[in-house]
C-alpha cells in the first residue's frame, strides 16, 4: 500500500532524463507535485499512460502542478523514452540503489524489481494530499487525478 494521505512526503533527489537533479523540496511552497510511479519505460500500458499525461499537460499546468514520472529505469532509458513520446516533464531514475525512493512511498515491488503503478499528489506544504494504487495493466483515469488535484488546489487557495 502506498504512503498515507496526511503524511509528510519523504524528500528525495533523483536525476531526470536531462541528467539534472530534481528534489521534491524544491517545489515546497511553489507547486503541487503529481508523482506518477510506473513500472517501466517502453511497456504498452506505461506508454498509454504517458501519452495521456502528454495530452493533458495543459490541464495539469493550470492546476498549478508539476508532474514527475518515476520508475527504476536509467537516465538513458528515460531520455530515449521522453524523446520518442514527446514527454516534457521530468522522468526520474530511481535506479541506484534500485527502487530506494519508491520504497519510501510504499510502491516498490521488490519481488519483481519494478515500481508499481501509483499516483501520489503532494501539496505545496509537502504533505500527501491524495494517493491511489493501480493494477499494473491499468491506465490511471486522468480525469480522476485532475479532480483530486483541483480539490488540493482549492483546499490551499
N, C-alpha and C. Protein backbone atom coordinates (compact mmCIF):
# COMPACT_ATOMS: atom_id res chain seq x y z
N UNK A 1 0.84 -1.20 0.00
CA UNK A 1 0.00 0.00 0.00
C UNK A 1 0.88 1.24 0.00
N UNK A 2 0.42 2.23 -0.71
CA UNK A 2 1.15 3.50 -0.80
C UNK A 2 1.17 4.22 0.53
N UNK A 3 1.92 5.25 0.56
CA UNK A 3 2.02 6.18 1.68
C UNK A 3 0.61 6.73 1.99
N UNK A 4 0.37 7.07 3.23
CA UNK A 4 -0.97 7.52 3.64
C UNK A 4 -1.16 9.02 3.43
N UNK A 5 -2.40 9.38 3.10
CA UNK A 5 -2.77 10.79 2.97
C UNK A 5 -2.57 11.46 4.33
N UNK A 6 -2.02 12.67 4.30
CA UNK A 6 -1.77 13.42 5.52
C UNK A 6 -0.33 13.31 6.00
N UNK A 7 0.39 12.27 5.55
CA UNK A 7 1.79 12.10 5.93
C UNK A 7 2.66 13.14 5.23
N UNK A 8 3.77 13.48 5.83
CA UNK A 8 4.76 14.30 5.14
C UNK A 8 5.42 13.42 4.09
N UNK A 9 5.48 13.93 2.87
CA UNK A 9 6.07 13.16 1.78
C UNK A 9 7.59 13.08 1.97
N UNK A 10 8.16 11.88 1.88
CA UNK A 10 9.62 11.77 2.02
C UNK A 10 10.33 12.55 0.91
N UNK A 11 11.30 13.37 1.31
CA UNK A 11 12.04 14.14 0.31
C UNK A 11 12.93 13.18 -0.48
N UNK A 12 13.31 13.59 -1.65
CA UNK A 12 14.19 12.78 -2.49
C UNK A 12 14.94 13.69 -3.45
N UNK A 13 16.03 13.18 -3.95
CA UNK A 13 16.78 13.81 -5.02
C UNK A 13 17.09 12.71 -6.03
N UNK A 14 16.57 12.86 -7.24
CA UNK A 14 16.81 11.89 -8.30
C UNK A 14 17.18 12.63 -9.58
N UNK A 15 17.86 11.95 -10.47
CA UNK A 15 18.23 12.52 -11.77
C UNK A 15 17.08 12.33 -12.77
N UNK A 16 16.85 13.38 -13.58
CA UNK A 16 15.86 13.24 -14.64
C UNK A 16 16.55 12.89 -15.95
N UNK A 17 15.76 12.83 -17.02
CA UNK A 17 16.29 12.40 -18.32
C UNK A 17 17.32 13.37 -18.89
N UNK A 18 17.40 14.58 -18.35
CA UNK A 18 18.39 15.56 -18.79
C UNK A 18 19.63 15.56 -17.89
N UNK A 19 19.72 14.56 -17.01
CA UNK A 19 20.82 14.43 -16.04
C UNK A 19 20.86 15.60 -15.07
N UNK A 20 19.67 16.16 -14.77
CA UNK A 20 19.56 17.23 -13.79
C UNK A 20 18.94 16.64 -12.53
N UNK A 21 19.45 17.10 -11.37
CA UNK A 21 18.88 16.66 -10.10
C UNK A 21 17.53 17.31 -9.88
N UNK A 22 16.56 16.54 -9.47
CA UNK A 22 15.23 17.04 -9.13
C UNK A 22 14.99 16.67 -7.67
N UNK A 23 14.68 17.69 -6.85
CA UNK A 23 14.42 17.47 -5.43
C UNK A 23 12.97 17.81 -5.16
N UNK A 24 12.30 16.97 -4.40
CA UNK A 24 10.92 17.26 -4.02
C UNK A 24 10.86 18.58 -3.27
N UNK A 25 11.80 18.81 -2.36
CA UNK A 25 11.77 20.02 -1.53
C UNK A 25 11.88 21.32 -2.35
N UNK A 26 12.38 21.24 -3.58
CA UNK A 26 12.46 22.43 -4.44
C UNK A 26 11.08 22.97 -4.81
N UNK A 27 10.05 22.14 -4.73
CA UNK A 27 8.70 22.56 -5.11
C UNK A 27 7.88 23.06 -3.91
N UNK A 28 8.41 22.88 -2.70
CA UNK A 28 7.69 23.26 -1.49
C UNK A 28 7.32 24.74 -1.54
N UNK A 29 6.04 25.01 -1.27
CA UNK A 29 5.55 26.37 -1.28
C UNK A 29 5.33 26.96 -2.66
N UNK A 30 5.71 26.22 -3.71
CA UNK A 30 5.61 26.74 -5.08
C UNK A 30 4.56 26.03 -5.92
N UNK A 31 4.61 24.69 -5.89
CA UNK A 31 3.72 23.88 -6.75
C UNK A 31 3.28 22.62 -6.03
N UNK A 32 2.11 22.15 -6.42
CA UNK A 32 1.70 20.80 -6.02
C UNK A 32 2.48 19.86 -6.94
N UNK A 33 2.77 18.67 -6.44
CA UNK A 33 3.53 17.71 -7.24
C UNK A 33 2.70 16.45 -7.45
N UNK A 34 2.65 15.99 -8.70
CA UNK A 34 1.98 14.74 -9.04
C UNK A 34 3.08 13.73 -9.36
N UNK A 35 3.29 12.79 -8.43
CA UNK A 35 4.26 11.72 -8.66
C UNK A 35 3.55 10.58 -9.38
N UNK A 36 4.04 10.26 -10.55
CA UNK A 36 3.46 9.19 -11.36
C UNK A 36 4.45 8.02 -11.33
N UNK A 37 4.19 7.07 -10.44
CA UNK A 37 5.03 5.87 -10.36
C UNK A 37 4.55 4.90 -11.43
N UNK A 38 5.47 4.37 -12.21
CA UNK A 38 5.10 3.41 -13.25
C UNK A 38 6.19 2.35 -13.36
N UNK A 39 5.82 1.13 -13.80
CA UNK A 39 6.79 0.03 -13.80
C UNK A 39 8.01 0.23 -14.68
N UNK A 40 7.83 0.47 -15.96
CA UNK A 40 8.97 0.52 -16.88
C UNK A 40 8.67 1.38 -18.10
N UNK A 41 9.71 2.07 -18.58
CA UNK A 41 9.61 2.74 -19.88
C UNK A 41 9.34 1.66 -20.93
N UNK A 42 8.71 2.02 -22.01
CA UNK A 42 8.52 1.18 -23.19
C UNK A 42 7.44 0.12 -23.07
N UNK A 43 6.90 -0.14 -21.90
CA UNK A 43 5.85 -1.16 -21.83
C UNK A 43 4.54 -0.55 -22.34
N UNK A 44 3.64 -1.37 -22.88
CA UNK A 44 2.43 -0.83 -23.53
C UNK A 44 1.55 0.02 -22.61
N UNK A 45 1.27 -0.45 -21.40
CA UNK A 45 0.39 0.30 -20.50
C UNK A 45 1.04 1.62 -20.10
N UNK A 46 2.32 1.58 -19.79
CA UNK A 46 3.03 2.81 -19.40
C UNK A 46 3.05 3.81 -20.55
N UNK A 47 3.24 3.30 -21.76
CA UNK A 47 3.26 4.17 -22.92
C UNK A 47 1.90 4.85 -23.08
N UNK A 48 0.81 4.11 -22.90
CA UNK A 48 -0.53 4.71 -22.97
C UNK A 48 -0.74 5.74 -21.86
N UNK A 49 -0.26 5.41 -20.66
CA UNK A 49 -0.40 6.33 -19.53
C UNK A 49 0.32 7.65 -19.81
N UNK A 50 1.56 7.56 -20.27
CA UNK A 50 2.32 8.78 -20.54
C UNK A 50 1.74 9.56 -21.72
N UNK A 51 1.19 8.86 -22.71
CA UNK A 51 0.54 9.56 -23.81
C UNK A 51 -0.63 10.40 -23.28
N UNK A 52 -1.36 9.86 -22.32
CA UNK A 52 -2.47 10.60 -21.70
C UNK A 52 -1.94 11.84 -20.96
N UNK A 53 -0.88 11.67 -20.20
CA UNK A 53 -0.31 12.82 -19.48
C UNK A 53 0.20 13.88 -20.45
N UNK A 54 0.87 13.47 -21.53
CA UNK A 54 1.37 14.42 -22.52
C UNK A 54 0.19 15.22 -23.08
N UNK A 55 -0.91 14.53 -23.39
CA UNK A 55 -2.08 15.19 -23.95
C UNK A 55 -2.79 16.10 -22.95
N UNK A 56 -2.66 15.81 -21.66
CA UNK A 56 -3.36 16.56 -20.62
C UNK A 56 -2.47 17.57 -19.89
N UNK A 57 -1.24 17.79 -20.36
CA UNK A 57 -0.31 18.64 -19.60
C UNK A 57 -0.85 20.04 -19.35
N UNK A 58 -1.54 20.62 -20.30
CA UNK A 58 -2.08 21.97 -20.11
C UNK A 58 -3.00 22.01 -18.89
N UNK A 59 -3.83 20.99 -18.76
CA UNK A 59 -4.75 20.93 -17.62
C UNK A 59 -3.98 20.86 -16.31
N UNK A 60 -2.92 20.08 -16.27
CA UNK A 60 -2.14 19.96 -15.04
C UNK A 60 -1.40 21.26 -14.73
N UNK A 61 -0.93 21.94 -15.78
CA UNK A 61 -0.26 23.23 -15.56
C UNK A 61 -1.23 24.25 -14.98
N UNK A 62 -2.48 24.27 -15.46
CA UNK A 62 -3.45 25.23 -14.93
C UNK A 62 -3.83 24.89 -13.49
N UNK A 63 -3.61 23.65 -13.09
CA UNK A 63 -3.89 23.24 -11.71
C UNK A 63 -2.65 23.43 -10.81
N UNK A 64 -1.68 24.19 -11.31
CA UNK A 64 -0.51 24.55 -10.51
C UNK A 64 0.26 23.31 -10.04
N UNK A 65 0.45 22.38 -10.97
CA UNK A 65 1.08 21.11 -10.60
C UNK A 65 2.29 20.81 -11.46
N UNK A 66 3.25 20.19 -10.84
CA UNK A 66 4.44 19.67 -11.52
C UNK A 66 4.28 18.16 -11.58
N UNK A 67 4.29 17.61 -12.79
CA UNK A 67 4.20 16.16 -12.96
C UNK A 67 5.62 15.59 -13.01
N UNK A 68 5.85 14.55 -12.21
CA UNK A 68 7.14 13.86 -12.19
C UNK A 68 6.89 12.37 -12.35
N UNK A 69 7.40 11.79 -13.42
CA UNK A 69 7.31 10.35 -13.61
C UNK A 69 8.45 9.68 -12.85
N UNK A 70 8.19 8.51 -12.27
CA UNK A 70 9.23 7.79 -11.51
C UNK A 70 9.18 6.31 -11.86
N UNK A 71 10.34 5.77 -12.28
CA UNK A 71 10.46 4.33 -12.46
C UNK A 71 11.91 3.93 -12.17
N UNK A 72 12.17 2.64 -12.19
CA UNK A 72 13.51 2.14 -11.89
C UNK A 72 14.42 2.15 -13.13
N UNK A 73 13.93 2.68 -14.25
CA UNK A 73 14.75 2.75 -15.45
C UNK A 73 15.89 3.76 -15.29
N UNK A 74 16.91 3.63 -16.13
CA UNK A 74 18.07 4.53 -16.09
C UNK A 74 17.75 5.87 -16.72
N UNK A 75 18.62 6.84 -16.46
CA UNK A 75 18.53 8.16 -17.07
C UNK A 75 18.51 8.04 -18.59
N UNK A 76 19.34 7.14 -19.13
CA UNK A 76 19.44 7.00 -20.58
C UNK A 76 18.17 6.42 -21.18
N UNK A 77 17.59 5.46 -20.52
CA UNK A 77 16.31 4.91 -20.98
C UNK A 77 15.25 6.00 -20.96
N UNK A 78 15.20 6.76 -19.86
CA UNK A 78 14.23 7.86 -19.75
C UNK A 78 14.42 8.88 -20.87
N UNK A 79 15.67 9.20 -21.19
CA UNK A 79 15.93 10.20 -22.23
C UNK A 79 15.38 9.74 -23.58
N UNK A 80 15.69 8.51 -23.95
CA UNK A 80 15.20 7.97 -25.23
C UNK A 80 13.68 7.89 -25.24
N UNK A 81 13.11 7.45 -24.12
CA UNK A 81 11.66 7.30 -24.00
C UNK A 81 10.97 8.67 -24.08
N UNK A 82 11.50 9.66 -23.36
CA UNK A 82 10.91 11.01 -23.37
C UNK A 82 10.95 11.60 -24.78
N UNK A 83 12.07 11.41 -25.48
CA UNK A 83 12.18 11.93 -26.84
C UNK A 83 11.17 11.26 -27.77
N UNK A 84 11.04 9.95 -27.66
CA UNK A 84 10.10 9.19 -28.50
C UNK A 84 8.65 9.59 -28.22
N UNK A 85 8.33 9.81 -26.93
CA UNK A 85 6.95 10.08 -26.51
C UNK A 85 6.57 11.56 -26.50
N UNK A 86 7.54 12.44 -26.67
CA UNK A 86 7.25 13.88 -26.60
C UNK A 86 6.99 14.33 -25.17
N UNK A 87 7.62 13.66 -24.20
CA UNK A 87 7.43 13.99 -22.79
C UNK A 87 8.33 15.16 -22.41
N UNK A 88 7.72 16.22 -21.88
CA UNK A 88 8.47 17.41 -21.48
C UNK A 88 8.69 17.46 -19.97
N UNK A 89 7.88 16.73 -19.20
CA UNK A 89 8.04 16.72 -17.75
C UNK A 89 9.17 15.75 -17.38
N UNK A 90 9.67 15.87 -16.16
CA UNK A 90 10.79 15.04 -15.72
C UNK A 90 10.39 13.59 -15.51
N UNK A 91 11.22 12.70 -16.02
CA UNK A 91 11.14 11.27 -15.71
C UNK A 91 12.32 10.99 -14.80
N UNK A 92 12.04 10.57 -13.58
CA UNK A 92 13.09 10.40 -12.58
C UNK A 92 13.56 8.95 -12.50
N UNK A 93 14.88 8.80 -12.46
CA UNK A 93 15.50 7.48 -12.44
C UNK A 93 15.73 7.02 -11.00
N UNK A 94 14.87 6.13 -10.52
CA UNK A 94 15.01 5.52 -9.19
C UNK A 94 15.82 4.24 -9.40
N UNK A 95 17.05 4.44 -9.89
CA UNK A 95 17.84 3.38 -10.50
C UNK A 95 18.89 2.79 -9.56
N UNK A 96 19.57 3.64 -8.81
CA UNK A 96 20.65 3.16 -7.96
C UNK A 96 20.64 3.90 -6.63
N UNK A 97 20.39 3.27 -5.50
CA UNK A 97 20.00 1.86 -5.41
C UNK A 97 18.58 1.66 -5.94
N UNK A 98 18.40 0.59 -6.66
CA UNK A 98 17.15 0.31 -7.37
C UNK A 98 15.92 0.39 -6.46
N UNK A 99 15.01 1.31 -6.81
CA UNK A 99 13.73 1.40 -6.10
C UNK A 99 13.79 2.03 -4.73
N UNK A 100 14.92 2.63 -4.33
CA UNK A 100 15.05 3.17 -2.97
C UNK A 100 14.04 4.28 -2.68
N UNK A 101 13.83 5.17 -3.64
CA UNK A 101 12.86 6.25 -3.44
C UNK A 101 11.43 5.70 -3.45
N UNK A 102 11.14 4.82 -4.40
CA UNK A 102 9.80 4.21 -4.49
C UNK A 102 9.47 3.43 -3.23
N UNK A 103 10.48 2.81 -2.64
CA UNK A 103 10.31 2.05 -1.40
C UNK A 103 9.79 2.97 -0.28
N UNK A 104 10.31 4.19 -0.21
CA UNK A 104 9.86 5.16 0.81
C UNK A 104 8.38 5.49 0.66
N UNK A 105 7.87 5.38 -0.55
CA UNK A 105 6.47 5.68 -0.83
C UNK A 105 5.61 4.42 -0.82
N UNK A 106 6.23 3.28 -0.56
CA UNK A 106 5.49 2.02 -0.47
C UNK A 106 5.04 1.45 -1.79
N UNK A 107 5.71 1.81 -2.89
CA UNK A 107 5.25 1.34 -4.20
C UNK A 107 6.28 0.50 -4.95
N UNK A 108 7.44 0.22 -4.32
CA UNK A 108 8.44 -0.62 -4.98
C UNK A 108 8.05 -2.08 -4.81
N UNK A 109 8.02 -2.82 -5.90
CA UNK A 109 7.68 -4.25 -5.87
C UNK A 109 8.99 -5.03 -5.92
N UNK A 110 9.57 -5.27 -4.76
CA UNK A 110 10.90 -5.90 -4.68
C UNK A 110 10.95 -7.26 -5.37
N UNK A 111 9.87 -8.04 -5.26
CA UNK A 111 9.85 -9.37 -5.87
C UNK A 111 9.94 -9.31 -7.40
N UNK A 112 9.48 -8.21 -7.99
CA UNK A 112 9.52 -8.04 -9.45
C UNK A 112 10.66 -7.12 -9.88
N UNK A 113 11.21 -6.35 -8.92
CA UNK A 113 12.29 -5.43 -9.25
C UNK A 113 11.84 -4.19 -10.00
N UNK A 114 10.54 -3.87 -9.88
CA UNK A 114 9.99 -2.70 -10.57
C UNK A 114 9.14 -1.85 -9.63
N UNK A 115 8.83 -0.68 -10.09
CA UNK A 115 7.93 0.21 -9.37
C UNK A 115 6.50 -0.18 -9.71
N UNK A 116 5.62 -0.18 -8.73
CA UNK A 116 4.21 -0.42 -9.02
C UNK A 116 3.61 0.80 -9.70
N UNK A 117 2.36 0.68 -10.15
CA UNK A 117 1.67 1.80 -10.78
C UNK A 117 0.86 2.52 -9.70
N UNK A 118 1.21 3.76 -9.46
CA UNK A 118 0.57 4.51 -8.39
C UNK A 118 0.71 6.00 -8.69
N UNK A 119 -0.23 6.79 -8.22
CA UNK A 119 -0.14 8.24 -8.35
C UNK A 119 -0.29 8.84 -6.96
N UNK A 120 0.64 9.75 -6.63
CA UNK A 120 0.62 10.42 -5.34
C UNK A 120 0.66 11.92 -5.60
N UNK A 121 -0.30 12.65 -5.02
CA UNK A 121 -0.30 14.11 -5.12
C UNK A 121 0.21 14.67 -3.81
N UNK A 122 1.23 15.53 -3.91
CA UNK A 122 1.82 16.17 -2.74
C UNK A 122 1.50 17.65 -2.83
N UNK A 123 0.92 18.19 -1.76
CA UNK A 123 0.56 19.61 -1.80
C UNK A 123 1.77 20.49 -1.55
N UNK A 124 1.56 21.80 -1.67
CA UNK A 124 2.67 22.75 -1.54
C UNK A 124 3.29 22.72 -0.15
N UNK A 125 2.55 22.24 0.83
CA UNK A 125 3.08 22.13 2.19
C UNK A 125 3.93 20.87 2.38
N UNK A 126 4.04 20.04 1.34
CA UNK A 126 4.85 18.83 1.42
C UNK A 126 4.14 17.63 2.02
N UNK A 127 2.82 17.71 2.11
CA UNK A 127 2.02 16.61 2.67
C UNK A 127 1.37 15.82 1.53
N UNK A 128 1.20 14.53 1.76
CA UNK A 128 0.49 13.70 0.78
C UNK A 128 -0.99 14.08 0.85
N UNK A 129 -1.51 14.56 -0.26
CA UNK A 129 -2.90 15.03 -0.30
C UNK A 129 -3.84 14.00 -0.94
N UNK A 130 -3.28 13.10 -1.76
CA UNK A 130 -4.09 12.09 -2.45
C UNK A 130 -3.14 11.02 -2.94
N UNK A 131 -3.57 9.77 -2.87
CA UNK A 131 -2.75 8.66 -3.36
C UNK A 131 -3.65 7.53 -3.80
N UNK A 132 -3.25 6.88 -4.88
CA UNK A 132 -4.02 5.73 -5.36
C UNK A 132 -3.09 4.76 -6.06
N UNK A 133 -3.25 3.48 -5.71
CA UNK A 133 -2.51 2.41 -6.38
C UNK A 133 -3.40 1.84 -7.50
N UNK A 134 -2.75 1.42 -8.56
CA UNK A 134 -3.45 0.83 -9.71
C UNK A 134 -2.84 -0.53 -10.02
N UNK A 135 -3.64 -1.41 -10.61
CA UNK A 135 -3.08 -2.67 -11.10
C UNK A 135 -2.12 -2.34 -12.23
N UNK A 136 -1.08 -3.14 -12.37
CA UNK A 136 -0.05 -2.89 -13.39
C UNK A 136 -0.65 -2.69 -14.79
N UNK A 137 -1.61 -3.53 -15.24
CA UNK A 137 -2.11 -3.34 -16.61
C UNK A 137 -3.17 -2.25 -16.78
N UNK A 138 -3.43 -1.46 -15.74
CA UNK A 138 -4.49 -0.44 -15.80
C UNK A 138 -3.89 0.94 -16.02
N UNK A 139 -4.43 1.66 -17.02
CA UNK A 139 -4.03 3.05 -17.23
C UNK A 139 -4.86 3.91 -16.28
N UNK A 140 -4.21 4.69 -15.41
CA UNK A 140 -4.98 5.54 -14.48
C UNK A 140 -5.90 6.51 -15.20
N UNK A 141 -7.03 6.80 -14.56
CA UNK A 141 -8.01 7.74 -15.09
C UNK A 141 -7.54 9.16 -14.76
N UNK A 142 -7.08 9.88 -15.77
CA UNK A 142 -6.53 11.21 -15.51
C UNK A 142 -7.59 12.22 -15.12
N UNK A 143 -8.85 11.96 -15.47
CA UNK A 143 -9.93 12.85 -15.01
C UNK A 143 -10.05 12.77 -13.49
N UNK A 144 -9.91 11.56 -12.97
CA UNK A 144 -9.93 11.34 -11.52
C UNK A 144 -8.75 12.07 -10.86
N UNK A 145 -7.58 11.97 -11.46
CA UNK A 145 -6.39 12.62 -10.92
C UNK A 145 -6.56 14.14 -10.98
N UNK A 146 -7.07 14.65 -12.10
CA UNK A 146 -7.31 16.09 -12.23
C UNK A 146 -8.31 16.59 -11.19
N UNK A 147 -9.37 15.80 -10.97
CA UNK A 147 -10.39 16.19 -9.98
C UNK A 147 -9.77 16.25 -8.58
N UNK A 148 -8.93 15.27 -8.26
CA UNK A 148 -8.26 15.25 -6.96
C UNK A 148 -7.33 16.46 -6.84
N UNK A 149 -6.64 16.76 -7.90
CA UNK A 149 -5.72 17.90 -7.91
C UNK A 149 -6.47 19.22 -7.77
N UNK A 150 -7.63 19.31 -8.41
CA UNK A 150 -8.47 20.51 -8.25
C UNK A 150 -8.85 20.74 -6.82
N UNK A 151 -9.18 19.65 -6.11
CA UNK A 151 -9.55 19.74 -4.69
C UNK A 151 -8.35 20.17 -3.85
N UNK A 152 -7.17 19.66 -4.19
CA UNK A 152 -5.95 20.03 -3.46
C UNK A 152 -5.68 21.51 -3.66
N UNK A 153 -5.80 21.98 -4.90
CA UNK A 153 -5.56 23.39 -5.21
C UNK A 153 -6.58 24.26 -4.48
N UNK A 154 -7.84 23.85 -4.48
CA UNK A 154 -8.90 24.62 -3.82
C UNK A 154 -8.70 24.67 -2.31
N UNK A 155 -8.22 23.58 -1.75
CA UNK A 155 -8.02 23.50 -0.28
C UNK A 155 -6.97 24.49 0.20
N UNK A 156 -5.99 24.75 -0.66
CA UNK A 156 -4.90 25.65 -0.27
C UNK A 156 -5.28 27.11 -0.55
N UNK A 157 -6.08 27.31 -1.59
CA UNK A 157 -6.42 28.68 -2.02
C UNK A 157 -7.24 29.43 -0.98
